[in-house]
mmCIF file of all heavy atoms, coordinates in Angstrom:
data_MODEL
# 
_entry.id   MODEL 
# 
loop_
_atom_site.group_PDB 
_atom_site.id 
_atom_site.type_symbol 
_atom_site.label_atom_id 
_atom_site.label_alt_id 
_atom_site.label_comp_id 
_atom_site.label_asym_id 
_atom_site.label_entity_id 
_atom_site.label_seq_id 
_atom_site.pdbx_PDB_ins_code 
_atom_site.Cartn_x 
_atom_site.Cartn_y 
_atom_site.Cartn_z 
_atom_site.occupancy 
_atom_site.B_iso_or_equiv 
_atom_site.pdbx_formal_charge 
_atom_site.auth_seq_id 
_atom_site.auth_comp_id 
_atom_site.auth_asym_id 
_atom_site.auth_atom_id 
_atom_site.pdbx_PDB_model_num 
ATOM 1   N N   . GLY A 1 1  ? 104.105 98.130  96.434  1.00 0.00 ? 1  GLY A N   1 
ATOM 2   C CA  . GLY A 1 1  ? 104.488 99.379  97.113  1.00 0.00 ? 1  GLY A CA  1 
ATOM 3   C C   . GLY A 1 1  ? 105.646 99.366  97.981  1.00 0.00 ? 1  GLY A C   1 
ATOM 4   O O   . GLY A 1 1  ? 106.512 100.131 97.975  1.00 0.00 ? 1  GLY A O   1 
ATOM 5   N N   . MET A 1 2  ? 105.613 98.300  98.843  1.00 0.00 ? 2  MET A N   1 
ATOM 6   C CA  . MET A 1 2  ? 106.759 98.173  99.763  1.00 0.00 ? 2  MET A CA  1 
ATOM 7   C C   . MET A 1 2  ? 108.042 97.720  99.023  1.00 0.00 ? 2  MET A C   1 
ATOM 8   O O   . MET A 1 2  ? 109.132 98.210  99.305  1.00 0.00 ? 2  MET A O   1 
ATOM 9   C CB  . MET A 1 2  ? 106.413 97.229  100.957 1.00 0.00 ? 2  MET A CB  1 
ATOM 10  C CG  . MET A 1 2  ? 105.509 97.790  101.975 1.00 0.00 ? 2  MET A CG  1 
ATOM 11  S SD  . MET A 1 2  ? 105.288 96.905  103.452 1.00 0.00 ? 2  MET A SD  1 
ATOM 12  C CE  . MET A 1 2  ? 104.084 95.711  102.802 1.00 0.00 ? 2  MET A CE  1 
ATOM 13  N N   . GLY A 1 3  ? 107.872 96.745  98.187  1.00 0.00 ? 3  GLY A N   1 
ATOM 14  C CA  . GLY A 1 3  ? 109.020 96.243  97.425  1.00 0.00 ? 3  GLY A CA  1 
ATOM 15  C C   . GLY A 1 3  ? 109.719 97.309  96.609  1.00 0.00 ? 3  GLY A C   1 
ATOM 16  O O   . GLY A 1 3  ? 110.956 97.348  96.624  1.00 0.00 ? 3  GLY A O   1 
ATOM 17  N N   . ALA A 1 4  ? 108.930 98.138  95.980  1.00 0.00 ? 4  ALA A N   1 
ATOM 18  C CA  . ALA A 1 4  ? 109.566 99.260  95.109  1.00 0.00 ? 4  ALA A CA  1 
ATOM 19  C C   . ALA A 1 4  ? 110.300 100.282 96.021  1.00 0.00 ? 4  ALA A C   1 
ATOM 20  O O   . ALA A 1 4  ? 111.320 100.710 95.660  1.00 0.00 ? 4  ALA A O   1 
ATOM 21  C CB  . ALA A 1 4  ? 108.446 99.940  94.258  1.00 0.00 ? 4  ALA A CB  1 
ATOM 22  N N   . ALA A 1 5  ? 109.686 100.554 97.150  1.00 0.00 ? 5  ALA A N   1 
ATOM 23  C CA  . ALA A 1 5  ? 110.391 101.477 98.130  1.00 0.00 ? 5  ALA A CA  1 
ATOM 24  C C   . ALA A 1 5  ? 111.688 100.875 98.590  1.00 0.00 ? 5  ALA A C   1 
ATOM 25  O O   . ALA A 1 5  ? 112.677 101.565 98.790  1.00 0.00 ? 5  ALA A O   1 
ATOM 26  C CB  . ALA A 1 5  ? 109.477 101.812 99.292  1.00 0.00 ? 5  ALA A CB  1 
ATOM 27  N N   . ILE A 1 6  ? 111.667 99.557  98.886  1.00 0.00 ? 6  ILE A N   1 
ATOM 28  C CA  . ILE A 1 6  ? 112.898 98.847  99.302  1.00 0.00 ? 6  ILE A CA  1 
ATOM 29  C C   . ILE A 1 6  ? 113.899 98.898  98.182  1.00 0.00 ? 6  ILE A C   1 
ATOM 30  O O   . ILE A 1 6  ? 115.093 99.183  98.499  1.00 0.00 ? 6  ILE A O   1 
ATOM 31  C CB  . ILE A 1 6  ? 112.573 97.462  99.780  1.00 0.00 ? 6  ILE A CB  1 
ATOM 32  C CG1 . ILE A 1 6  ? 111.718 97.458  100.903 1.00 0.00 ? 6  ILE A CG1 1 
ATOM 33  C CG2 . ILE A 1 6  ? 113.925 96.694  99.951  1.00 0.00 ? 6  ILE A CG2 1 
ATOM 34  C CD1 . ILE A 1 6  ? 111.077 96.126  101.288 1.00 0.00 ? 6  ILE A CD1 1 
ATOM 35  N N   . ALA A 1 7  ? 113.533 98.665  96.947  1.00 0.00 ? 7  ALA A N   1 
ATOM 36  C CA  . ALA A 1 7  ? 114.431 98.777  95.807  1.00 0.00 ? 7  ALA A CA  1 
ATOM 37  C C   . ALA A 1 7  ? 115.038 100.037 95.673  1.00 0.00 ? 7  ALA A C   1 
ATOM 38  O O   . ALA A 1 7  ? 116.304 100.252 95.426  1.00 0.00 ? 7  ALA A O   1 
ATOM 39  C CB  . ALA A 1 7  ? 113.673 98.358  94.481  1.00 0.00 ? 7  ALA A CB  1 
ATOM 40  N N   . ARG A 1 8  ? 114.268 101.061 95.850  1.00 0.00 ? 8  ARG A N   1 
ATOM 41  C CA  . ARG A 1 8  ? 114.804 102.508 95.646  1.00 0.00 ? 8  ARG A CA  1 
ATOM 42  C C   . ARG A 1 8  ? 115.965 102.808 96.717  1.00 0.00 ? 8  ARG A C   1 
ATOM 43  O O   . ARG A 1 8  ? 116.874 103.397 96.437  1.00 0.00 ? 8  ARG A O   1 
ATOM 44  C CB  . ARG A 1 8  ? 113.641 103.509 95.768  1.00 0.00 ? 8  ARG A CB  1 
ATOM 45  C CG  . ARG A 1 8  ? 112.760 103.491 94.537  1.00 0.00 ? 8  ARG A CG  1 
ATOM 46  C CD  . ARG A 1 8  ? 111.751 104.559 94.559  1.00 0.00 ? 8  ARG A CD  1 
ATOM 47  N NE  . ARG A 1 8  ? 110.827 104.382 93.455  1.00 0.00 ? 8  ARG A NE  1 
ATOM 48  C CZ  . ARG A 1 8  ? 109.595 103.793 93.594  1.00 0.00 ? 8  ARG A CZ  1 
ATOM 49  N NH1 . ARG A 1 8  ? 109.189 103.433 94.816  1.00 0.00 ? 8  ARG A NH1 1 
ATOM 50  N NH2 . ARG A 1 8  ? 108.775 103.623 92.532  1.00 0.00 ? 8  ARG A NH2 1 
ATOM 51  N N   . ILE A 1 9  ? 115.618 102.325 97.909  1.00 0.00 ? 9  ILE A N   1 
ATOM 52  C CA  . ILE A 1 9  ? 116.697 102.681 98.934  1.00 0.00 ? 9  ILE A CA  1 
ATOM 53  C C   . ILE A 1 9  ? 117.935 101.975 98.780  1.00 0.00 ? 9  ILE A C   1 
ATOM 54  O O   . ILE A 1 9  ? 119.010 102.487 99.033  1.00 0.00 ? 9  ILE A O   1 
ATOM 55  C CB  . ILE A 1 9  ? 115.995 102.481 100.340 1.00 0.00 ? 9  ILE A CB  1 
ATOM 56  C CG1 . ILE A 1 9  ? 116.691 103.316 101.394 1.00 0.00 ? 9  ILE A CG1 1 
ATOM 57  C CG2 . ILE A 1 9  ? 116.148 100.988 100.869 1.00 0.00 ? 9  ILE A CG2 1 
ATOM 58  C CD1 . ILE A 1 9  ? 115.920 103.400 102.794 1.00 0.00 ? 9  ILE A CD1 1 
ATOM 59  N N   . PHE A 1 10 ? 117.884 100.745 98.228  1.00 0.00 ? 10 PHE A N   1 
ATOM 60  C CA  . PHE A 1 10 ? 119.174 100.006 98.018  1.00 0.00 ? 10 PHE A CA  1 
ATOM 61  C C   . PHE A 1 10 ? 119.822 100.403 96.821  1.00 0.00 ? 10 PHE A C   1 
ATOM 62  O O   . PHE A 1 10 ? 121.144 100.362 96.737  1.00 0.00 ? 10 PHE A O   1 
ATOM 63  C CB  . PHE A 1 10 ? 118.890 98.469  98.077  1.00 0.00 ? 10 PHE A CB  1 
ATOM 64  C CG  . PHE A 1 10 ? 118.712 97.901  99.362  1.00 0.00 ? 10 PHE A CG  1 
ATOM 65  C CD1 . PHE A 1 10 ? 117.510 97.403  99.858  1.00 0.00 ? 10 PHE A CD1 1 
ATOM 66  C CD2 . PHE A 1 10 ? 119.777 97.841  100.299 1.00 0.00 ? 10 PHE A CD2 1 
ATOM 67  C CE1 . PHE A 1 10 ? 117.378 96.820  101.184 1.00 0.00 ? 10 PHE A CE1 1 
ATOM 68  C CE2 . PHE A 1 10 ? 119.726 97.307  101.640 1.00 0.00 ? 10 PHE A CE2 1 
ATOM 69  C CZ  . PHE A 1 10 ? 118.414 96.736  101.934 1.00 0.00 ? 10 PHE A CZ  1 
ATOM 70  N N   . VAL A 1 11 ? 119.093 100.815 95.782  1.00 0.00 ? 11 VAL A N   1 
ATOM 71  C CA  . VAL A 1 11 ? 119.826 101.255 94.482  1.00 0.00 ? 11 VAL A CA  1 
ATOM 72  C C   . VAL A 1 11 ? 120.471 102.666 94.787  1.00 0.00 ? 11 VAL A C   1 
ATOM 73  O O   . VAL A 1 11 ? 121.539 102.897 94.230  1.00 0.00 ? 11 VAL A O   1 
ATOM 74  C CB  . VAL A 1 11 ? 118.810 101.371 93.324  1.00 0.00 ? 11 VAL A CB  1 
ATOM 75  C CG1 . VAL A 1 11 ? 118.044 102.648 93.330  1.00 0.00 ? 11 VAL A CG1 1 
ATOM 76  C CG2 . VAL A 1 11 ? 119.561 101.177 92.031  1.00 0.00 ? 11 VAL A CG2 1 
ATOM 77  N N   . GLU A 1 12 ? 119.920 103.464 95.610  1.00 0.00 ? 12 GLU A N   1 
ATOM 78  C CA  . GLU A 1 12 ? 120.590 104.659 96.042  1.00 0.00 ? 12 GLU A CA  1 
ATOM 79  C C   . GLU A 1 12 ? 121.853 104.406 96.875  1.00 0.00 ? 12 GLU A C   1 
ATOM 80  O O   . GLU A 1 12 ? 122.773 105.306 96.769  1.00 0.00 ? 12 GLU A O   1 
ATOM 81  C CB  . GLU A 1 12 ? 119.656 105.478 96.955  1.00 0.00 ? 12 GLU A CB  1 
ATOM 82  C CG  . GLU A 1 12 ? 118.415 106.168 96.219  1.00 0.00 ? 12 GLU A CG  1 
ATOM 83  C CD  . GLU A 1 12 ? 117.428 106.736 97.147  1.00 0.00 ? 12 GLU A CD  1 
ATOM 84  O OE1 . GLU A 1 12 ? 117.675 106.676 98.408  1.00 0.00 ? 12 GLU A OE1 1 
ATOM 85  O OE2 . GLU A 1 12 ? 116.425 107.158 96.702  1.00 0.00 ? 12 GLU A OE2 1 
ATOM 86  N N   . GLN A 1 13 ? 122.037 103.255 97.496  1.00 0.00 ? 13 GLN A N   1 
ATOM 87  C CA  . GLN A 1 13 ? 123.151 102.901 98.149  1.00 0.00 ? 13 GLN A CA  1 
ATOM 88  C C   . GLN A 1 13 ? 124.186 102.279 97.289  1.00 0.00 ? 13 GLN A C   1 
ATOM 89  O O   . GLN A 1 13 ? 125.324 101.846 97.689  1.00 0.00 ? 13 GLN A O   1 
ATOM 90  C CB  . GLN A 1 13 ? 122.900 102.003 99.281  1.00 0.00 ? 13 GLN A CB  1 
ATOM 91  C CG  . GLN A 1 13 ? 122.073 102.668 100.365 1.00 0.00 ? 13 GLN A CG  1 
ATOM 92  C CD  . GLN A 1 13 ? 121.644 101.674 101.523 1.00 0.00 ? 13 GLN A CD  1 
ATOM 93  O OE1 . GLN A 1 13 ? 122.025 100.508 101.550 1.00 0.00 ? 13 GLN A OE1 1 
ATOM 94  N NE2 . GLN A 1 13 ? 120.940 102.168 102.528 1.00 0.00 ? 13 GLN A NE2 1 
ATOM 95  N N   . GLY A 1 14 ? 123.885 102.047 95.990  1.00 0.00 ? 14 GLY A N   1 
ATOM 96  C CA  . GLY A 1 14 ? 124.746 101.488 94.966  1.00 0.00 ? 14 GLY A CA  1 
ATOM 97  C C   . GLY A 1 14 ? 124.856 99.901  94.966  1.00 0.00 ? 14 GLY A C   1 
ATOM 98  O O   . GLY A 1 14 ? 125.809 99.446  94.346  1.00 0.00 ? 14 GLY A O   1 
ATOM 99  N N   . HIS A 1 15 ? 123.900 99.314  95.544  1.00 0.00 ? 15 HIS A N   1 
ATOM 100 C CA  . HIS A 1 15 ? 123.907 97.871  95.536  1.00 0.00 ? 15 HIS A CA  1 
ATOM 101 C C   . HIS A 1 15 ? 123.472 97.264  94.231  1.00 0.00 ? 15 HIS A C   1 
ATOM 102 O O   . HIS A 1 15 ? 122.593 97.878  93.564  1.00 0.00 ? 15 HIS A O   1 
ATOM 103 C CB  . HIS A 1 15 ? 122.979 97.304  96.632  1.00 0.00 ? 15 HIS A CB  1 
ATOM 104 C CG  . HIS A 1 15 ? 123.490 97.621  97.986  1.00 0.00 ? 15 HIS A CG  1 
ATOM 105 N ND1 . HIS A 1 15 ? 124.392 96.822  98.675  1.00 0.00 ? 15 HIS A ND1 1 
ATOM 106 C CD2 . HIS A 1 15 ? 123.057 98.562  98.834  1.00 0.00 ? 15 HIS A CD2 1 
ATOM 107 C CE1 . HIS A 1 15 ? 124.648 97.288  99.857  1.00 0.00 ? 15 HIS A CE1 1 
ATOM 108 N NE2 . HIS A 1 15 ? 123.890 98.366  100.061 1.00 0.00 ? 15 HIS A NE2 1 
ATOM 109 N N   . GLN A 1 16 ? 123.971 96.076  93.877  1.00 0.00 ? 16 GLN A N   1 
ATOM 110 C CA  . GLN A 1 16 ? 123.479 95.415  92.698  1.00 0.00 ? 16 GLN A CA  1 
ATOM 111 C C   . GLN A 1 16 ? 122.187 94.710  93.177  1.00 0.00 ? 16 GLN A C   1 
ATOM 112 O O   . GLN A 1 16 ? 122.187 94.064  94.237  1.00 0.00 ? 16 GLN A O   1 
ATOM 113 C CB  . GLN A 1 16 ? 124.481 94.480  92.110  1.00 0.00 ? 16 GLN A CB  1 
ATOM 114 C CG  . GLN A 1 16 ? 125.019 93.414  93.047  1.00 0.00 ? 16 GLN A CG  1 
ATOM 115 C CD  . GLN A 1 16 ? 125.867 92.461  92.239  1.00 0.00 ? 16 GLN A CD  1 
ATOM 116 O OE1 . GLN A 1 16 ? 125.537 91.868  91.240  1.00 0.00 ? 16 GLN A OE1 1 
ATOM 117 N NE2 . GLN A 1 16 ? 127.085 92.254  92.708  1.00 0.00 ? 16 GLN A NE2 1 
ATOM 118 N N   . LEU A 1 17 ? 121.096 94.781  92.259  1.00 0.00 ? 17 LEU A N   1 
ATOM 119 C CA  . LEU A 1 17 ? 119.830 94.204  92.686  1.00 0.00 ? 17 LEU A CA  1 
ATOM 120 C C   . LEU A 1 17 ? 119.289 93.164  91.864  1.00 0.00 ? 17 LEU A C   1 
ATOM 121 O O   . LEU A 1 17 ? 119.642 93.062  90.647  1.00 0.00 ? 17 LEU A O   1 
ATOM 122 C CB  . LEU A 1 17 ? 118.714 95.365  92.617  1.00 0.00 ? 17 LEU A CB  1 
ATOM 123 C CG  . LEU A 1 17 ? 118.974 96.644  93.354  1.00 0.00 ? 17 LEU A CG  1 
ATOM 124 C CD1 . LEU A 1 17 ? 117.833 97.599  93.245  1.00 0.00 ? 17 LEU A CD1 1 
ATOM 125 C CD2 . LEU A 1 17 ? 119.268 96.322  94.827  1.00 0.00 ? 17 LEU A CD2 1 
ATOM 126 N N   . ILE A 1 18 ? 118.652 92.121  92.404  1.00 0.00 ? 18 ILE A N   1 
ATOM 127 C CA  . ILE A 1 18 ? 117.966 91.124  91.681  1.00 0.00 ? 18 ILE A CA  1 
ATOM 128 C C   . ILE A 1 18 ? 116.384 91.396  92.142  1.00 0.00 ? 18 ILE A C   1 
ATOM 129 O O   . ILE A 1 18 ? 116.134 91.254  93.276  1.00 0.00 ? 18 ILE A O   1 
ATOM 130 C CB  . ILE A 1 18 ? 118.303 89.668  92.053  1.00 0.00 ? 18 ILE A CB  1 
ATOM 131 C CG1 . ILE A 1 18 ? 119.769 89.482  91.535  1.00 0.00 ? 18 ILE A CG1 1 
ATOM 132 C CG2 . ILE A 1 18 ? 117.330 88.771  91.370  1.00 0.00 ? 18 ILE A CG2 1 
ATOM 133 C CD1 . ILE A 1 18 ? 120.253 88.124  91.903  1.00 0.00 ? 18 ILE A CD1 1 
ATOM 134 N N   . LEU A 1 19 ? 115.651 91.848  91.150  1.00 0.00 ? 19 LEU A N   1 
ATOM 135 C CA  . LEU A 1 19 ? 114.274 92.181  91.463  1.00 0.00 ? 19 LEU A CA  1 
ATOM 136 C C   . LEU A 1 19 ? 113.311 91.104  90.937  1.00 0.00 ? 19 LEU A C   1 
ATOM 137 O O   . LEU A 1 19 ? 113.521 90.746  89.780  1.00 0.00 ? 19 LEU A O   1 
ATOM 138 C CB  . LEU A 1 19 ? 113.830 93.600  90.883  1.00 0.00 ? 19 LEU A CB  1 
ATOM 139 C CG  . LEU A 1 19 ? 114.771 94.754  91.223  1.00 0.00 ? 19 LEU A CG  1 
ATOM 140 C CD1 . LEU A 1 19 ? 114.346 96.023  90.539  1.00 0.00 ? 19 LEU A CD1 1 
ATOM 141 C CD2 . LEU A 1 19 ? 114.831 95.012  92.724  1.00 0.00 ? 19 LEU A CD2 1 
ATOM 142 N N   . SER A 1 20 ? 112.429 90.774  91.739  1.00 0.00 ? 20 SER A N   1 
ATOM 143 C CA  . SER A 1 20 ? 111.438 89.778  91.296  1.00 0.00 ? 20 SER A CA  1 
ATOM 144 C C   . SER A 1 20 ? 110.052 90.073  91.611  1.00 0.00 ? 20 SER A C   1 
ATOM 145 O O   . SER A 1 20 ? 109.762 90.672  92.682  1.00 0.00 ? 20 SER A O   1 
ATOM 146 C CB  . SER A 1 20 ? 111.847 88.392  91.977  1.00 0.00 ? 20 SER A CB  1 
ATOM 147 O OG  . SER A 1 20 ? 110.877 87.351  91.549  1.00 0.00 ? 20 SER A OG  1 
ATOM 148 N N   . ASP A 1 21 ? 109.107 89.706  90.755  1.00 0.00 ? 21 ASP A N   1 
ATOM 149 C CA  . ASP A 1 21 ? 107.750 89.907  90.984  1.00 0.00 ? 21 ASP A CA  1 
ATOM 150 C C   . ASP A 1 21 ? 106.879 89.036  89.899  1.00 0.00 ? 21 ASP A C   1 
ATOM 151 O O   . ASP A 1 21 ? 107.424 88.731  88.884  1.00 0.00 ? 21 ASP A O   1 
ATOM 152 C CB  . ASP A 1 21 ? 107.402 91.442  90.811  1.00 0.00 ? 21 ASP A CB  1 
ATOM 153 C CG  . ASP A 1 21 ? 106.010 91.876  91.391  1.00 0.00 ? 21 ASP A CG  1 
ATOM 154 O OD1 . ASP A 1 21 ? 105.008 91.660  90.700  1.00 0.00 ? 21 ASP A OD1 1 
ATOM 155 O OD2 . ASP A 1 21 ? 106.040 92.237  92.563  1.00 0.00 ? 21 ASP A OD2 1 
ATOM 156 N N   . LEU A 1 22 ? 105.614 88.879  90.308  1.00 0.00 ? 22 LEU A N   1 
ATOM 157 C CA  . LEU A 1 22 ? 104.787 88.187  89.350  1.00 0.00 ? 22 LEU A CA  1 
ATOM 158 C C   . LEU A 1 22 ? 104.527 88.973  88.153  1.00 0.00 ? 22 LEU A C   1 
ATOM 159 O O   . LEU A 1 22 ? 104.360 88.419  87.040  1.00 0.00 ? 22 LEU A O   1 
ATOM 160 C CB  . LEU A 1 22 ? 103.437 87.771  90.059  1.00 0.00 ? 22 LEU A CB  1 
ATOM 161 C CG  . LEU A 1 22 ? 102.472 86.959  89.292  1.00 0.00 ? 22 LEU A CG  1 
ATOM 162 C CD1 . LEU A 1 22 ? 102.971 85.565  88.923  1.00 0.00 ? 22 LEU A CD1 1 
ATOM 163 C CD2 . LEU A 1 22 ? 101.216 86.774  90.228  1.00 0.00 ? 22 LEU A CD2 1 
ATOM 164 N N   . ASN A 1 23 ? 104.362 90.271  88.328  1.00 0.00 ? 23 ASN A N   1 
ATOM 165 C CA  . ASN A 1 23 ? 103.968 91.201  87.344  1.00 0.00 ? 23 ASN A CA  1 
ATOM 166 C C   . ASN A 1 23 ? 105.197 91.604  86.491  1.00 0.00 ? 23 ASN A C   1 
ATOM 167 O O   . ASN A 1 23 ? 105.948 92.474  86.855  1.00 0.00 ? 23 ASN A O   1 
ATOM 168 C CB  . ASN A 1 23 ? 103.245 92.461  87.827  1.00 0.00 ? 23 ASN A CB  1 
ATOM 169 C CG  . ASN A 1 23 ? 102.595 93.326  86.817  1.00 0.00 ? 23 ASN A CG  1 
ATOM 170 O OD1 . ASN A 1 23 ? 103.145 93.376  85.661  1.00 0.00 ? 23 ASN A OD1 1 
ATOM 171 N ND2 . ASN A 1 23 ? 101.518 93.969  87.146  1.00 0.00 ? 23 ASN A ND2 1 
ATOM 172 N N   . ALA A 1 24 ? 105.428 90.938  85.254  1.00 0.00 ? 24 ALA A N   1 
ATOM 173 C CA  . ALA A 1 24 ? 106.631 91.267  84.513  1.00 0.00 ? 24 ALA A CA  1 
ATOM 174 C C   . ALA A 1 24 ? 106.653 92.651  84.016  1.00 0.00 ? 24 ALA A C   1 
ATOM 175 O O   . ALA A 1 24 ? 107.767 93.275  84.051  1.00 0.00 ? 24 ALA A O   1 
ATOM 176 C CB  . ALA A 1 24 ? 106.737 90.282  83.403  1.00 0.00 ? 24 ALA A CB  1 
ATOM 177 N N   . ALA A 1 25 ? 105.561 93.205  83.545  1.00 0.00 ? 25 ALA A N   1 
ATOM 178 C CA  . ALA A 1 25 ? 105.561 94.564  82.973  1.00 0.00 ? 25 ALA A CA  1 
ATOM 179 C C   . ALA A 1 25 ? 105.838 95.552  84.148  1.00 0.00 ? 25 ALA A C   1 
ATOM 180 O O   . ALA A 1 25 ? 106.614 96.502  83.906  1.00 0.00 ? 25 ALA A O   1 
ATOM 181 C CB  . ALA A 1 25 ? 104.173 94.873  82.390  1.00 0.00 ? 25 ALA A CB  1 
ATOM 182 N N   . ALA A 1 26 ? 105.221 95.461  85.207  1.00 0.00 ? 26 ALA A N   1 
ATOM 183 C CA  . ALA A 1 26 ? 105.480 96.371  86.372  1.00 0.00 ? 26 ALA A CA  1 
ATOM 184 C C   . ALA A 1 26 ? 106.910 96.288  86.855  1.00 0.00 ? 26 ALA A C   1 
ATOM 185 O O   . ALA A 1 26 ? 107.537 97.271  87.148  1.00 0.00 ? 26 ALA A O   1 
ATOM 186 C CB  . ALA A 1 26 ? 104.519 96.085  87.491  1.00 0.00 ? 26 ALA A CB  1 
# 
């Protein structure tokens, strides 16, 4: 929940992202 919200705010700012999680499908 928190990680996804953080990802959304940075993608809105146009940053390139490296997203990591244990759950590959999610």
